[in-house]
Amino acid sequence: MIYERTRRRVELIHTVTDPEHRGEGVASVLVRTVLAEARAAALPVLVICPFLESWLQRHPDQAVGVIAED
């Protein structure tokens, strides 16, 4: 995952999974972990990555703390 963390927020830019492990839930574990860490740090999350946008549509309960571009 490519991301940028500042004092104000976390920006999730790009997510990639090794082709040999696609479909195994690796990306989902990574996304859930990053979102939980951001919530624990009280940092809003800006999602730029198309995969993450799609993933959040399928998992709306995980969108807590996700913000729109300023």
PDB file of N, CA and C in Angstrom:
ATOM      1  N   MET A   1       0.850  -1.161   0.000  1.00  0.00           N
ATOM      2  CA  MET A   1       0.000   0.000   0.000  1.00  0.00           C
ATOM      3  C   MET A   1       0.898   1.227   0.000  1.00  0.00           C
ATOM      4  N   ILE A   2       0.535   2.172  -0.836  1.00  0.00           N
ATOM      5  CA  ILE A   2       1.220   3.457  -0.845  1.00  0.00           C
ATOM      6  C   ILE A   2       0.306   4.443  -0.135  1.00  0.00           C
ATOM      7  N   TYR A   3       0.849   5.114   0.864  1.00  0.00           N
ATOM      8  CA  TYR A   3       0.052   6.058   1.639  1.00  0.00           C
ATOM      9  C   TYR A   3       0.939   7.191   2.125  1.00  0.00           C
ATOM     10  N   GLU A   4       0.291   8.241   2.572  1.00  0.00           N
ATOM     11  CA  GLU A   4       1.014   9.349   3.189  1.00  0.00           C
ATOM     12  C   GLU A   4       0.304   9.690   4.489  1.00  0.00           C
ATOM     13  N   ARG A   5       1.066   9.768   5.556  1.00  0.00           N
ATOM     14  CA  ARG A   5       0.506  10.134   6.858  1.00  0.00           C
ATOM     15  C   ARG A   5       1.082  11.484   7.265  1.00  0.00           C
ATOM     16  N   THR A   6       0.189  12.404   7.554  1.00  0.00           N
ATOM     17  CA  THR A   6       0.601  13.711   8.049  1.00  0.00           C
ATOM     18  C   THR A   6       0.048  13.863   9.459  1.00  0.00           C
ATOM     19  N   ARG A   7       0.268  15.006  10.049  1.00  0.00           N
ATOM     20  CA  ARG A   7      -0.311  15.237  11.381  1.00  0.00           C
ATOM     21  C   ARG A   7      -1.819  15.399  11.302  1.00  0.00           C
ATOM     22  N   ARG A   8      -2.331  15.720  10.117  1.00  0.00           N
ATOM     23  CA  ARG A   8      -3.758  15.996   9.963  1.00  0.00           C
ATOM     24  C   ARG A   8      -4.581  14.825   9.452  1.00  0.00           C
ATOM     25  N   ARG A   9      -3.955  13.909   8.675  1.00  0.00           N
ATOM     26  CA  ARG A   9      -4.731  12.822   8.076  1.00  0.00           C
ATOM     27  C   ARG A   9      -3.825  11.758   7.479  1.00  0.00           C
ATOM     28  N   VAL A  10      -4.483  10.669   7.036  1.00  0.00           N
ATOM     29  CA  VAL A  10      -3.815   9.601   6.301  1.00  0.00           C
ATOM     30  C   VAL A  10      -4.422   9.587   4.901  1.00  0.00           C
ATOM     31  N   GLU A  11      -3.571   9.591   3.881  1.00  0.00           N
ATOM     32  CA  GLU A  11      -4.033   9.512   2.496  1.00  0.00           C
ATOM     33  C   GLU A  11      -3.665   8.140   1.948  1.00  0.00           C
ATOM     34  N   LEU A  12      -4.674   7.375   1.547  1.00  0.00           N
ATOM     35  CA  LEU A  12      -4.445   6.041   0.984  1.00  0.00           C
ATOM     36  C   LEU A  12      -4.433   6.175  -0.532  1.00  0.00           C
ATOM     37  N   ILE A  13      -3.269   6.008  -1.119  1.00  0.00           N
ATOM     38  CA  ILE A  13      -3.046   6.352  -2.519  1.00  0.00           C
ATOM     39  C   ILE A  13      -3.166   5.152  -3.458  1.00  0.00           C
ATOM     40  N   HIS A  14      -2.577   4.021  -3.093  1.00  0.00           N
ATOM     41  CA  HIS A  14      -2.564   2.874  -4.009  1.00  0.00           C
ATOM     42  C   HIS A  14      -2.410   1.580  -3.213  1.00  0.00           C
ATOM     43  N   THR A  15      -3.125   0.560  -3.664  1.00  0.00           N
ATOM     44  CA  THR A  15      -3.037  -0.753  -3.022  1.00  0.00           C
ATOM     45  C   THR A  15      -2.728  -1.796  -4.084  1.00  0.00           C
ATOM     46  N   VAL A  16      -1.803  -2.677  -3.779  1.00  0.00           N
ATOM     47  CA  VAL A  16      -1.427  -3.739  -4.711  1.00  0.00           C
ATOM     48  C   VAL A  16      -1.250  -5.029  -3.934  1.00  0.00           C
ATOM     49  N   THR A  17      -1.689  -6.116  -4.525  1.00  0.00           N
ATOM     50  CA  THR A  17      -1.504  -7.440  -3.931  1.00  0.00           C
ATOM     51  C   THR A  17      -0.725  -8.287  -4.929  1.00  0.00           C
ATOM     52  N   ASP A  18       0.209  -9.064  -4.449  1.00  0.00           N
ATOM     53  CA  ASP A  18       0.946  -9.981  -5.313  1.00  0.00           C
ATOM     54  C   ASP A  18      -0.064 -10.842  -6.066  1.00  0.00           C
ATOM     55  N   PRO A  19       0.068 -10.957  -7.381  1.00  0.00           N
ATOM     56  CA  PRO A  19      -0.897 -11.741  -8.161  1.00  0.00           C
ATOM     57  C   PRO A  19      -1.115 -13.157  -7.633  1.00  0.00           C
ATOM     58  N   GLU A  20      -0.089 -13.749  -7.052  1.00  0.00           N
ATOM     59  CA  GLU A  20      -0.229 -15.108  -6.523  1.00  0.00           C
ATOM     60  C   GLU A  20      -1.160 -15.171  -5.317  1.00  0.00           C
ATOM     61  N   HIS A  21      -1.416 -14.029  -4.687  1.00  0.00           N
ATOM     62  CA  HIS A  21      -2.230 -14.015  -3.470  1.00  0.00           C
ATOM     63  C   HIS A  21      -3.544 -13.252  -3.626  1.00  0.00           C
ATOM     64  N   ARG A  22      -3.864 -12.845  -4.837  1.00  0.00           N
ATOM     65  CA  ARG A  22      -5.132 -12.155  -5.055  1.00  0.00           C
ATOM     66  C   ARG A  22      -6.283 -13.107  -4.782  1.00  0.00           C
ATOM     67  N   GLY A  23      -7.335 -12.557  -4.213  1.00  0.00           N
ATOM     68  CA  GLY A  23      -8.507 -13.358  -3.901  1.00  0.00           C
ATOM     69  C   GLY A  23      -8.419 -14.089  -2.573  1.00  0.00           C
ATOM     70  N   GLU A  24      -7.329 -13.908  -1.838  1.00  0.00           N
ATOM     71  CA  GLU A  24      -7.145 -14.584  -0.551  1.00  0.00           C
ATOM     72  C   GLU A  24      -7.508 -13.698   0.637  1.00  0.00           C
ATOM     73  N   GLY A  25      -7.908 -12.453   0.371  1.00  0.00           N
ATOM     74  CA  GLY A  25      -8.276 -11.555   1.463  1.00  0.00           C
ATOM     75  C   GLY A  25      -7.118 -10.768   2.048  1.00  0.00           C
ATOM     76  N   VAL A  26      -5.954 -10.848   1.418  1.00  0.00           N
ATOM     77  CA  VAL A  26      -4.776 -10.141   1.928  1.00  0.00           C
ATOM     78  C   VAL A  26      -5.020  -8.638   1.939  1.00  0.00           C
ATOM     79  N   ALA A  27      -5.536  -8.101   0.841  1.00  0.00           N
ATOM     80  CA  ALA A  27      -5.790  -6.656   0.762  1.00  0.00           C
ATOM     81  C   ALA A  27      -6.828  -6.231   1.796  1.00  0.00           C
ATOM     82  N   SER A  28      -7.841  -7.042   2.018  1.00  0.00           N
ATOM     83  CA  SER A  28      -8.868  -6.703   3.013  1.00  0.00           C
ATOM     84  C   SER A  28      -8.281  -6.610   4.414  1.00  0.00           C
ATOM     85  N   VAL A  29      -7.408  -7.532   4.750  1.00  0.00           N
ATOM     86  CA  VAL A  29      -6.755  -7.484   6.066  1.00  0.00           C
ATOM     87  C   VAL A  29      -5.918  -6.215   6.182  1.00  0.00           C
ATOM     88  N   LEU A  30      -5.183  -5.894   5.140  1.00  0.00           N
ATOM     89  CA  LEU A  30      -4.357  -4.690   5.137  1.00  0.00           C
ATOM     90  C   LEU A  30      -5.217  -3.440   5.303  1.00  0.00           C
ATOM     91  N   VAL A  31      -6.289  -3.345   4.535  1.00  0.00           N
ATOM     92  CA  VAL A  31      -7.166  -2.168   4.594  1.00  0.00           C
ATOM     93  C   VAL A  31      -7.794  -2.037   5.976  1.00  0.00           C
ATOM     94  N   ARG A  32      -8.336  -3.119   6.509  1.00  0.00           N
ATOM     95  CA  ARG A  32      -8.952  -3.061   7.840  1.00  0.00           C
ATOM     96  C   ARG A  32      -7.937  -2.609   8.900  1.00  0.00           C
ATOM     97  N   THR A  33      -6.717  -3.094   8.789  1.00  0.00           N
ATOM     98  CA  THR A  33      -5.676  -2.731   9.754  1.00  0.00           C
ATOM     99  C   THR A  33      -5.325  -1.255   9.657  1.00  0.00           C
ATOM    100  N   VAL A  34      -5.125  -0.765   8.452  1.00  0.00           N
ATOM    101  CA  VAL A  34      -4.777   0.649   8.260  1.00  0.00           C
ATOM    102  C   VAL A  34      -5.907   1.548   8.752  1.00  0.00           C
ATOM    103  N   LEU A  35      -7.151   1.204   8.431  1.00  0.00           N
ATOM    104  CA  LEU A  35      -8.283   2.017   8.887  1.00  0.00           C
ATOM    105  C   LEU A  35      -8.395   1.998  10.412  1.00  0.00           C
ATOM    106  N   ALA A  36      -8.182   0.848  11.023  1.00  0.00           N
ATOM    107  CA  ALA A  36      -8.241   0.755  12.487  1.00  0.00           C
ATOM    108  C   ALA A  36      -7.135   1.583  13.131  1.00  0.00           C
ATOM    109  N   GLU A  37      -5.941   1.547  12.563  1.00  0.00           N
ATOM    110  CA  GLU A  37      -4.824   2.340  13.096  1.00  0.00           C
ATOM    111  C   GLU A  37      -5.117   3.836  12.982  1.00  0.00           C
ATOM    112  N   ALA A  38      -5.690   4.251  11.863  1.00  0.00           N
ATOM    113  CA  ALA A  38      -6.030   5.667  11.681  1.00  0.00           C
ATOM    114  C   ALA A  38      -7.094   6.090  12.690  1.00  0.00           C
ATOM    115  N   ARG A  39      -8.105   5.244  12.890  1.00  0.00           N
ATOM    116  CA  ARG A  39      -9.144   5.568  13.886  1.00  0.00           C
ATOM    117  C   ARG A  39      -8.534   5.656  15.280  1.00  0.00           C
ATOM    118  N   ALA A  40      -7.645   4.739  15.614  1.00  0.00           N
ATOM    119  CA  ALA A  40      -7.010   4.745  16.939  1.00  0.00           C
ATOM    120  C   ALA A  40      -6.192   6.016  17.154  1.00  0.00           C
ATOM    121  N   ALA A  41      -5.627   6.550  16.078  1.00  0.00           N
ATOM    122  CA  ALA A  41      -4.838   7.779  16.164  1.00  0.00           C
ATOM    123  C   ALA A  41      -5.705   9.025  15.966  1.00  0.00           C
ATOM    124  N   ALA A  42      -7.014   8.823  15.805  1.00  0.00           N
ATOM    125  CA  ALA A  42      -7.972   9.917  15.574  1.00  0.00           C
ATOM    126  C   ALA A  42      -7.613  10.734  14.337  1.00  0.00           C
ATOM    127  N   LEU A  43      -7.127  10.040  13.299  1.00  0.00           N
ATOM    128  CA  LEU A  43      -6.788  10.703  12.047  1.00  0.00           C
ATOM    129  C   LEU A  43      -7.828  10.372  10.983  1.00  0.00           C
ATOM    130  N   PRO A  44      -8.361  11.376  10.306  1.00  0.00           N
ATOM    131  CA  PRO A  44      -9.259  11.095   9.189  1.00  0.00           C
ATOM    132  C   PRO A  44      -8.479  10.455   8.043  1.00  0.00           C
ATOM    133  N   VAL A  45      -9.198   9.739   7.194  1.00  0.00           N
ATOM    134  CA  VAL A  45      -8.574   9.018   6.085  1.00  0.00           C
ATOM    135  C   VAL A  45      -9.146   9.528   4.769  1.00  0.00           C
ATOM    136  N   LEU A  46      -8.264   9.933   3.877  1.00  0.00           N
ATOM    137  CA  LEU A  46      -8.647  10.325   2.525  1.00  0.00           C
ATOM    138  C   LEU A  46      -8.292   9.168   1.602  1.00  0.00           C
ATOM    139  N   VAL A  47      -9.293   8.636   0.908  1.00  0.00           N
ATOM    140  CA  VAL A  47      -9.082   7.503   0.012  1.00  0.00           C
ATOM    141  C   VAL A  47      -8.956   8.017  -1.419  1.00  0.00           C
ATOM    142  N   ILE A  48      -7.820   7.747  -2.031  1.00  0.00           N
ATOM    143  CA  ILE A  48      -7.567   8.121  -3.419  1.00  0.00           C
ATOM    144  C   ILE A  48      -7.566   6.871  -4.309  1.00  0.00           C
ATOM    145  N   CYS A  49      -7.219   5.753  -3.757  1.00  0.00           N
ATOM    146  CA  CYS A  49      -7.079   4.483  -4.470  1.00  0.00           C
ATOM    147  C   CYS A  49      -8.435   3.949  -4.951  1.00  0.00           C
ATOM    148  N   PRO A  50      -8.587   3.667  -6.257  1.00  0.00           N
ATOM    149  CA  PRO A  50      -9.849   3.124  -6.772  1.00  0.00           C
ATOM    150  C   PRO A  50     -10.235   1.789  -6.130  1.00  0.00           C
ATOM    151  N   PHE A  51      -9.260   0.925  -5.862  1.00  0.00           N
ATOM    152  CA  PHE A  51      -9.578  -0.346  -5.203  1.00  0.00           C
ATOM    153  C   PHE A  51     -10.224  -0.091  -3.848  1.00  0.00           C
ATOM    154  N   LEU A  52      -9.659   0.832  -3.083  1.00  0.00           N
ATOM    155  CA  LEU A  52     -10.194   1.121  -1.754  1.00  0.00           C
ATOM    156  C   LEU A  52     -11.579   1.751  -1.832  1.00  0.00           C
ATOM    157  N   GLU A  53     -11.807   2.602  -2.822  1.00  0.00           N
ATOM    158  CA  GLU A  53     -13.139   3.180  -2.994  1.00  0.00           C
ATOM    159  C   GLU A  53     -14.159   2.072  -3.221  1.00  0.00           C
ATOM    160  N   SER A  54     -13.820   1.130  -4.087  1.00  0.00           N
ATOM    161  CA  SER A  54     -14.696  -0.006  -4.368  1.00  0.00           C
ATOM    162  C   SER A  54     -14.863  -0.890  -3.134  1.00  0.00           C
ATOM    163  N   TRP A  55     -13.780  -1.147  -2.426  1.00  0.00           N
ATOM    164  CA  TRP A  55     -13.815  -1.986  -1.229  1.00  0.00           C
ATOM    165  C   TRP A  55     -14.729  -1.369  -0.178  1.00  0.00           C
ATOM    166  N   LEU A  56     -14.640  -0.058  -0.001  1.00  0.00           N
ATOM    167  CA  LEU A  56     -15.476   0.626   0.997  1.00  0.00           C
ATOM    168  C   LEU A  56     -16.953   0.590   0.624  1.00  0.00           C
ATOM    169  N   GLN A  57     -17.266   0.555  -0.653  1.00  0.00           N
ATOM    170  CA  GLN A  57     -18.666   0.413  -1.063  1.00  0.00           C
ATOM    171  C   GLN A  57     -19.207  -0.951  -0.643  1.00  0.00           C
ATOM    172  N   ARG A  58     -18.355  -1.949  -0.649  1.00  0.00           N
ATOM    173  CA  ARG A  58     -18.766  -3.295  -0.234  1.00  0.00           C
ATOM    174  C   ARG A  58     -18.711  -3.483   1.276  1.00  0.00           C
ATOM    175  N   HIS A  59     -17.988  -2.595   1.975  1.00  0.00           N
ATOM    176  CA  HIS A  59     -17.822  -2.675   3.428  1.00  0.00           C
ATOM    177  C   HIS A  59     -18.088  -1.302   4.052  1.00  0.00           C
ATOM    178  N   PRO A  60     -19.306  -0.785   3.919  1.00  0.00           N
ATOM    179  CA  PRO A  60     -19.587   0.575   4.407  1.00  0.00           C
ATOM    180  C   PRO A  60     -19.370   0.746   5.909  1.00  0.00           C
ATOM    181  N   ASP A  61     -19.441  -0.333   6.658  1.00  0.00           N
ATOM    182  CA  ASP A  61     -19.196  -0.248   8.101  1.00  0.00           C
ATOM    183  C   ASP A  61     -17.752   0.145   8.412  1.00  0.00           C
ATOM    184  N   GLN A  62     -16.864  -0.010   7.446  1.00  0.00           N
ATOM    185  CA  GLN A  62     -15.452   0.329   7.640  1.00  0.00           C
ATOM    186  C   GLN A  62     -15.126   1.765   7.232  1.00  0.00           C
ATOM    187  N   ALA A  63     -16.137   2.507   6.771  1.00  0.00           N
ATOM    188  CA  ALA A  63     -15.905   3.867   6.261  1.00  0.00           C
ATOM    189  C   ALA A  63     -15.872   4.930   7.360  1.00  0.00           C
ATOM    190  N   VAL A  64     -15.949   4.524   8.610  1.00  0.00           N
ATOM    191  CA  VAL A  64     -15.890   5.482   9.719  1.00  0.00           C
ATOM    192  C   VAL A  64     -14.548   6.206   9.668  1.00  0.00           C
ATOM    193  N   GLY A  65     -14.599   7.528   9.617  1.00  0.00           N
ATOM    194  CA  GLY A  65     -13.379   8.324   9.583  1.00  0.00           C
ATOM    195  C   GLY A  65     -12.875   8.643   8.191  1.00  0.00           C
ATOM    196  N   VAL A  66     -13.530   8.082   7.164  1.00  0.00           N
ATOM    197  CA  VAL A  66     -13.129   8.373   5.787  1.00  0.00           C
ATOM    198  C   VAL A  66     -13.734   9.714   5.388  1.00  0.00           C
ATOM    199  N   ILE A  67     -12.911  10.567   4.795  1.00  0.00           N
ATOM    200  CA  ILE A  67     -13.346  11.916   4.438  1.00  0.00           C
ATOM    201  C   ILE A  67     -13.245  12.131   2.929  1.00  0.00           C
ATOM    202  N   ALA A  68     -13.924  13.185   2.458  1.00  0.00           N
ATOM    203  CA  ALA A  68     -13.824  13.596   1.057  1.00  0.00           C
ATOM    204  C   ALA A  68     -12.661  14.570   0.913  1.00  0.00           C
ATOM    205  N   GLU A  69     -12.185  14.713  -0.308  1.00  0.00           N
ATOM    206  CA  GLU A  69     -11.090  15.661  -0.590  1.00  0.00           C
ATOM    207  C   GLU A  69     -11.486  17.052  -0.141  1.00  0.00           C
ATOM    208  N   ASP A  70     -10.535  17.798   0.470  1.00  0.00           N
ATOM    209  CA  ASP A  70     -10.858  19.154   0.937  1.00  0.00           C
ATOM    210  C   ASP A  70     -11.099  20.059  -0.241  1.00  0.00           C
TER     211      ASP A  70
END
